[in-house]
Amino acid sequence: MSDTITSMGKTFSPLKWAVIPLAAICALLIALPANADDRHTVSPGETLLGIAARYGIDVSAIAERNGINNVNLVVAGQTLLIPGAGGGQGGASAPPEGHRIGAGETLTSIAARYGLSIAVLTELNNLVNPNHIVAGQLLQLPGQGGSTPEPPATGQGAAGSHTVAAGDTLTSIAARYGVSVSALAAENNISNPNRIITGQQLSIPGGGTGGHSQASIEQWLIQAEQEFGLPAGLMRAVAMQESGWQQHVVSSAGAIGVMQLMPGTANWLVSDVLPGASDWRNNPRDNIRLGAALLNRNLVAYGGDLDYALAAYYQGDGNITRFGIFDETWHYIANVRALMERYR
């Protein structure tokens, strides 16, 4: 049997031409990059928290994929591999139908993405447990099919109290009022935080000052800038860099709250500077004021040099004295300065 074909005066080998395209396709598939990762170039002022929320994945996943040890620090111009993003950089604005929860997302990351508080999302979507959301679930966002409910500042009963409703958990109530579960349990002498009773009256730590919207947090940050004579935008920038304006955030090093205060530093500030801000672990306003006092102290100590004031906030005075400003601290400073420009 002949293995050649003559057509239009030209001779072809069918087997040869059948093999070559297959080899070419295989080579092409090997050469093409996998769709599992996307690439994101960090812009000035971006944080890893914001980038993770934008792509709907956990911060730790991006950090691990890119070998990042400090999740509080990314560098403008740095290219990050986004695991599982596959589809280009998504916009930061909400899709018309709401937000479809992606694998690995948390209510915290979704709230940060849209500049909302966890309490607003919890209330708007009637979530029983804000720590439990399901991939594929559609969340309604403020301004989509209704007005935005304001989380109650003083609870459902008397000021600073909450009457437990059917389906309530201590976790969902704590999220609603912007306090920690442990603080709520301690306030009400609850030994088992997994057991509360419908109709039970709970006292909210801090006189019901929790459940704060992002607008409230921003207003307190602005007030703190004015109270302590800080440059416009500084508090908002540092708070966004440190925590995404979230009071519940606790770092791996033990820093707490909106301003990510170390307990030793915060207790010293309460003792020597602001005794009225003793609820800094639970109350975002106290946390913010202590952070502002520390930045003010740093500015005075370094003769008004903002770079050194920020460096001291980030790496501590002792490290500056011994080692100077670390390279990663300069990146932190640049990021905070870029954020400041947004808020001025």
Foldseek 3Di string as FASTA:
>chain_A
DDQWDADPNDIDGVVVVVPVVVVVVVVVVVPDDDLQKDKDAAAFQDALLLQCLQLQADSVVQCVQAVNPDRLFDFHRDMTIHGRSRDDGHDLDADLQADQHAPHHALVSPCLSHQKASLQQCVQQVPQASRDDDGRDGTHDAPRPDHGDQQDQQEDDPFQKYAAAPSHALRSVCSQFQFDSVVQCVQVVNPDSRDDDHRDMGGHPPRSRGNDISVVLVVLLQVLCVVLVHPQQLLVLQLCSPPSQRQCDADPVGQGGSNRHHVVLLVVCCVPPNVPLVVLSRRRSSVSNSSSVQLSVLCVVVVNPNLRSQQCSVPNPVCCVVPNRDPSSVSVSSSSVSSSVVRD
